[in-house]
Amino acid sequence: MVRVMKLRKALRRHLLRHNLFTPAFVYNRRLEPNLWAPDMQLRTMPSNSLQMIVWHYIAYMQNVGLPIKDEDIVDIFLHGSTSNYYYDPTSDIDICIVMDMRRLCAALPGIDIFAMTTALKIAWLRSRRIRIYGRGIDISIVDVAQPKYGPGVYKVGPAYSLPRDMWIRRPVRLSNQEIRALRRHADKIYRRYKKLFRECYKNKMSDTFLDTFLSRLWSERRAAYSSSPLQPITPETMAFRMMRRCGVLNKIKVRLETLKNKNFTLDA
């Protein structure tokens, strides 16, 4: 059995190396069973664990001096692939904190609040290895006064409130016909991305070009949401996740780090 697994991995590496393998976009028949009960309610252990983690992060921001009161937290909800049917082994658990930002903005005028809280999140996570059933977590913050995709819609797709233990927007499973059509479109986008990726490596592109390439992937993915603000499963989302599953995104990040570090020297 071990030998068979090794041969399969070697074959997959060979196919990826020669661009003969297209990673499948995963679309499951049920929600992630470690997180969700058959009745689509969030299981008690992950619910309690995620709320503990989020409030620990909020306490961390309070302890470093940000004027955030507990009552400023309006809601905390799950979103993303693990609250929908397209989760895969690379999926993190996405958590969003809906916050009343008035107190924070008044205390820190002219400061990019979201950049600051993102930097604090990175610093907080650096000393912690948080895993929920093998999955990492990603926490974002939004302002209750500024819905992004429509009234009350702060993130695309399904959302489950942790403190209220209820769905804000329930996931709707697409039909097989809809998924097949999306997959055909996603495959074309994936091949375009993969071609650009090969050109980057073939021509030894600079870190600036690679940054631009990654930004393009993200911007096309975000732009697709505007046409379907409540449904996150777009061809661009599929293609992005296919790039991640075959390791391309990680290769780009590693190469970016190598190029940027190589540009730093200290002479005697």
Protein backbone atom coordinates (compact mmCIF):
# COMPACT_ATOMS: atom_id res chain seq x y z
CA MET A 1 0.00 0.00 0.00
CA VAL A 2 2.82 2.43 0.90
CA ARG A 3 4.55 1.70 -2.41
CA VAL A 4 1.31 2.35 -4.33
CA MET A 5 0.84 5.69 -2.56
CA LYS A 6 4.40 6.71 -3.41
CA LEU A 7 3.88 5.79 -7.05
CA ARG A 8 0.68 7.82 -7.17
CA LYS A 9 2.42 10.86 -5.72
CA ALA A 10 5.31 10.48 -8.16
CA LEU A 11 2.87 10.22 -11.08
CA ARG A 12 0.99 13.32 -9.91
CA ARG A 13 4.27 15.29 -9.65
CA HIS A 14 5.19 14.16 -13.17
CA LEU A 15 1.83 15.22 -14.58
CA LEU A 16 1.99 18.59 -12.83
CA ARG A 17 5.56 19.18 -14.02
CA HIS A 18 4.58 18.61 -17.63
CA ASN A 19 1.21 20.39 -17.36
CA LEU A 20 -0.74 17.19 -18.04
CA PHE A 21 -2.79 17.34 -14.85
CA THR A 22 -5.58 19.77 -14.04
CA PRO A 23 -6.54 19.72 -10.35
CA ALA A 24 -10.25 19.17 -9.83
CA PHE A 25 -12.41 21.76 -8.19
CA VAL A 26 -13.95 19.98 -5.20
CA TYR A 27 -17.69 20.31 -4.71
CA ASN A 28 -19.00 18.17 -1.86
CA ARG A 29 -22.43 16.69 -1.22
CA ARG A 30 -22.52 17.81 2.41
CA LEU A 31 -20.90 20.42 4.64
CA GLU A 32 -17.61 19.71 6.41
CA PRO A 33 -18.65 16.90 8.81
CA ASN A 34 -16.12 17.81 11.52
CA LEU A 35 -17.75 21.24 11.84
CA TRP A 36 -21.37 20.69 10.91
CA ALA A 37 -23.99 18.26 12.23
CA PRO A 38 -26.35 16.52 9.75
CA ASP A 39 -29.03 19.15 10.53
CA MET A 40 -26.53 21.86 9.33
CA GLN A 41 -26.04 23.29 12.82
CA LEU A 42 -22.48 24.03 13.93
CA ARG A 43 -21.20 21.39 16.32
CA THR A 44 -20.66 22.47 19.94
CA MET A 45 -16.91 21.84 20.23
CA PRO A 46 -15.83 23.81 17.15
CA SER A 47 -18.32 26.56 18.00
CA ASN A 48 -16.95 27.01 21.52
CA SER A 49 -13.36 26.71 20.31
CA LEU A 50 -13.77 29.32 17.57
CA GLN A 51 -15.47 31.79 19.90
CA MET A 52 -12.68 31.33 22.45
CA ILE A 53 -10.05 31.96 19.73
CA VAL A 54 -11.78 35.11 18.43
CA TRP A 55 -12.25 36.63 21.87
CA HIS A 56 -8.61 35.88 22.65
CA TYR A 57 -7.64 37.90 19.55
CA ILE A 58 -9.98 40.74 20.58
CA ALA A 59 -8.43 40.73 24.08
CA TYR A 60 -4.98 40.88 22.46
CA MET A 61 -5.97 44.02 20.53
CA GLN A 62 -7.38 45.54 23.72
CA ASN A 63 -4.19 44.71 25.65
CA VAL A 64 -1.93 46.44 23.11
CA GLY A 65 -3.94 49.62 23.63
CA LEU A 66 -6.66 49.73 20.97
CA PRO A 67 -9.79 51.36 22.40
CA ILE A 68 -12.13 48.45 21.68
CA LYS A 69 -14.92 47.62 24.10
CA ASP A 70 -16.64 44.23 24.19
CA GLU A 71 -19.92 45.97 23.34
CA ASP A 72 -18.36 47.24 20.08
CA ILE A 73 -18.47 43.66 18.73
CA VAL A 74 -21.77 43.39 16.87
CA ASP A 75 -21.43 39.85 15.49
CA ILE A 76 -18.92 37.10 14.73
CA PHE A 77 -19.64 34.78 11.85
CA LEU A 78 -18.18 31.93 9.81
CA HIS A 79 -18.03 32.29 6.04
CA GLY A 80 -15.99 30.98 3.12
CA SER A 81 -15.57 27.45 1.81
CA THR A 82 -15.94 25.63 5.14
CA SER A 83 -19.44 27.07 5.50
CA ASN A 84 -20.26 25.97 1.96
CA TYR A 85 -19.89 22.86 -0.19
CA TYR A 86 -16.60 23.66 -1.92
CA TYR A 87 -14.18 23.09 0.98
CA ASP A 88 -11.07 21.01 0.28
CA PRO A 89 -7.90 19.99 2.21
CA THR A 90 -6.38 23.47 1.67
CA SER A 91 -9.36 25.35 3.14
CA ASP A 92 -8.94 27.49 6.25
CA ILE A 93 -11.81 28.36 8.56
CA ASP A 94 -12.76 31.97 7.77
CA ILE A 95 -14.10 34.10 10.61
CA CYS A 96 -15.38 37.65 10.33
CA ILE A 97 -15.77 40.10 13.22
CA VAL A 98 -18.44 42.75 12.62
CA MET A 99 -17.42 45.74 14.73
CA ASP A 100 -18.78 49.19 15.48
CA MET A 101 -15.69 51.21 14.52
CA ARG A 102 -16.79 54.64 15.74
CA ARG A 103 -14.88 54.54 19.02
CA LEU A 104 -11.72 53.23 17.30
CA CYS A 105 -11.83 55.73 14.42
CA ALA A 106 -12.41 58.65 16.79
CA ALA A 107 -9.40 57.66 18.92
CA LEU A 108 -7.11 57.10 15.89
CA PRO A 109 -8.00 59.72 13.24
CA GLY A 110 -6.16 59.35 9.94
CA ILE A 111 -4.99 55.81 10.75
CA ASP A 112 -5.74 52.87 8.45
CA ILE A 113 -7.61 50.78 11.00
CA PHE A 114 -7.85 47.67 8.83
CA ALA A 115 -4.13 47.68 8.05
CA MET A 116 -3.37 48.03 11.77
CA THR A 117 -5.67 45.19 12.85
CA THR A 118 -4.31 42.96 10.07
CA ALA A 119 -0.74 43.61 11.25
CA LEU A 120 -1.78 42.82 14.83
CA LYS A 121 -3.44 39.59 13.65
CA ILE A 122 -0.23 38.49 11.92
CA ALA A 123 1.78 39.26 15.07
CA TRP A 124 -0.76 37.41 17.23
CA LEU A 125 -0.77 34.33 15.01
CA ARG A 126 3.02 34.24 14.66
CA SER A 127 3.42 32.89 18.19
CA ARG A 128 0.46 30.51 17.96
CA ARG A 129 -0.26 27.41 15.90
CA ILE A 130 -4.04 27.22 15.86
CA ARG A 131 -5.69 24.24 14.19
CA ILE A 132 -9.33 23.15 14.21
CA TYR A 133 -9.51 19.57 12.89
CA GLY A 134 -6.32 20.20 10.95
CA ARG A 135 -7.47 23.52 9.51
CA GLY A 136 -5.93 26.92 10.12
CA ILE A 137 -8.05 29.99 10.76
CA ASP A 138 -8.25 33.40 9.10
CA ILE A 139 -9.86 36.33 10.92
CA SER A 140 -11.02 39.54 9.29
CA ILE A 141 -12.75 42.65 10.64
CA VAL A 142 -15.48 44.71 8.97
CA ASP A 143 -17.22 47.91 9.99
CA VAL A 144 -20.90 47.48 10.83
CA ALA A 145 -21.59 50.86 9.17
CA GLN A 146 -20.08 49.86 5.82
CA PRO A 147 -21.59 46.70 4.31
CA LYS A 148 -19.48 45.67 1.31
CA TYR A 149 -21.82 43.86 -1.06
CA GLY A 150 -25.22 45.26 -0.10
CA PRO A 151 -27.29 46.10 3.00
CA GLY A 152 -26.06 43.84 5.78
CA VAL A 153 -23.88 41.77 3.42
CA TYR A 154 -20.29 42.00 4.68
CA LYS A 155 -18.93 38.88 2.96
CA VAL A 156 -19.91 36.86 -0.07
CA GLY A 157 -21.95 33.71 0.37
CA PRO A 158 -23.27 31.78 3.38
CA ALA A 159 -22.63 33.07 6.88
CA TYR A 160 -23.21 31.49 10.30
CA SER A 161 -23.34 33.62 13.45
CA LEU A 162 -21.29 32.11 16.28
CA PRO A 163 -22.82 34.00 19.24
CA ARG A 164 -26.38 33.53 17.93
CA ASP A 165 -25.77 29.93 16.81
CA MET A 166 -27.78 30.40 13.63
CA TRP A 167 -27.43 30.86 9.89
CA ILE A 168 -27.45 34.42 8.63
CA ARG A 169 -27.49 33.10 5.06
CA ARG A 170 -27.77 29.38 4.47
CA PRO A 171 -25.68 27.64 1.77
CA VAL A 172 -27.53 26.56 -1.35
CA ARG A 173 -26.06 23.60 -3.19
CA LEU A 174 -25.75 24.11 -6.93
CA SER A 175 -27.03 21.53 -9.38
CA ASN A 176 -24.65 19.19 -11.19
CA GLN A 177 -25.42 20.98 -14.45
CA GLU A 178 -24.49 24.38 -12.94
CA ILE A 179 -21.26 22.99 -11.51
CA ARG A 180 -20.27 21.41 -14.86
CA ALA A 181 -20.77 24.73 -16.65
CA LEU A 182 -18.72 26.58 -14.03
CA ARG A 183 -15.97 23.97 -14.21
CA ARG A 184 -15.64 24.34 -17.99
CA HIS A 185 -15.24 28.10 -17.63
CA ALA A 186 -12.88 27.73 -14.65
CA ASP A 187 -10.67 25.31 -16.58
CA LYS A 188 -10.08 27.95 -19.28
CA ILE A 189 -9.16 30.56 -16.68
CA TYR A 190 -6.90 28.09 -14.86
CA ARG A 191 -5.00 27.29 -18.06
CA ARG A 192 -4.53 31.01 -18.74
CA TYR A 193 -3.18 31.52 -15.23
CA LYS A 194 -0.90 28.48 -15.58
CA LYS A 195 0.48 29.80 -18.89
CA LEU A 196 1.31 33.14 -17.26
CA PHE A 197 2.93 31.29 -14.37
CA ARG A 198 5.18 29.29 -16.75
CA GLU A 199 6.20 32.48 -18.54
CA CYS A 200 7.14 34.03 -15.17
CA TYR A 201 9.55 31.20 -14.42
CA LYS A 202 10.83 30.80 -17.97
CA ASN A 203 11.82 34.47 -18.19
CA LYS A 204 12.94 34.77 -14.53
CA MET A 205 10.53 37.61 -13.85
CA SER A 206 11.26 40.08 -11.08
CA ASP A 207 9.51 40.14 -7.72
CA THR A 208 7.53 43.20 -8.90
CA PHE A 209 6.10 41.22 -11.83
CA LEU A 210 5.19 38.30 -9.57
CA ASP A 211 3.48 40.70 -7.14
CA THR A 212 1.49 42.08 -10.06
CA PHE A 213 0.57 38.56 -11.17
CA LEU A 214 -0.75 37.67 -7.70
CA SER A 215 -2.64 40.97 -7.50
CA ARG A 216 -4.29 40.19 -10.83
CA LEU A 217 -5.50 36.82 -9.55
CA TRP A 218 -6.96 38.44 -6.45
CA SER A 219 -8.56 41.36 -8.30
CA GLU A 220 -10.23 39.12 -10.91
CA ARG A 221 -11.57 36.94 -8.11
CA ARG A 222 -12.96 39.93 -6.21
CA ALA A 223 -14.43 41.52 -9.35
CA ALA A 224 -16.39 38.33 -10.08
CA TYR A 225 -18.20 38.70 -6.74
CA SER A 226 -19.85 41.96 -7.83
CA SER A 227 -21.90 40.12 -10.45
CA SER A 228 -23.10 37.55 -7.89
CA PRO A 229 -22.72 39.03 -4.41
CA LEU A 230 -24.40 36.17 -2.55
CA GLN A 231 -22.81 33.27 -4.43
CA PRO A 232 -19.03 32.87 -3.94
CA ILE A 233 -18.67 29.96 -6.38
CA THR A 234 -17.57 31.72 -9.55
CA PRO A 235 -15.24 30.43 -12.31
CA GLU A 236 -12.58 32.81 -10.97
CA THR A 237 -12.93 31.33 -7.47
CA MET A 238 -12.65 27.83 -8.90
CA ALA A 239 -9.55 28.70 -10.97
CA PHE A 240 -7.91 30.37 -7.96
CA ARG A 241 -8.48 27.31 -5.78
CA MET A 242 -7.19 25.03 -8.55
CA MET A 243 -4.00 27.13 -8.64
CA ARG A 244 -3.70 26.73 -4.89
CA ARG A 245 -4.34 22.97 -4.92
CA CYS A 246 -1.62 22.27 -7.49
CA GLY A 247 0.90 24.30 -5.46
CA VAL A 248 1.38 27.19 -7.90
CA LEU A 249 0.45 29.92 -5.40
CA ASN A 250 2.86 28.54 -2.84
CA LYS A 251 5.65 28.39 -5.45
CA ILE A 252 5.06 32.04 -6.32
CA LYS A 253 5.17 33.07 -2.65
CA VAL A 254 8.40 31.12 -2.06
CA ARG A 255 10.01 32.65 -5.15
CA LEU A 256 8.90 36.13 -4.08
CA GLU A 257 10.52 35.67 -0.68
CA THR A 258 13.72 34.38 -2.31
CA LEU A 259 13.94 37.29 -4.75
CA LYS A 260 13.21 39.93 -2.13
CA ASN A 261 15.67 38.47 0.38
CA LYS A 262 18.35 38.22 -2.30
CA ASN A 263 18.15 41.97 -2.86
CA PHE A 264 19.38 42.66 0.68
CA THR A 265 23.14 42.74 1.31
CA LEU A 266 25.33 44.02 4.12
CA ASP A 267 28.91 44.79 3.16
CA ALA A 268 31.89 45.13 5.49
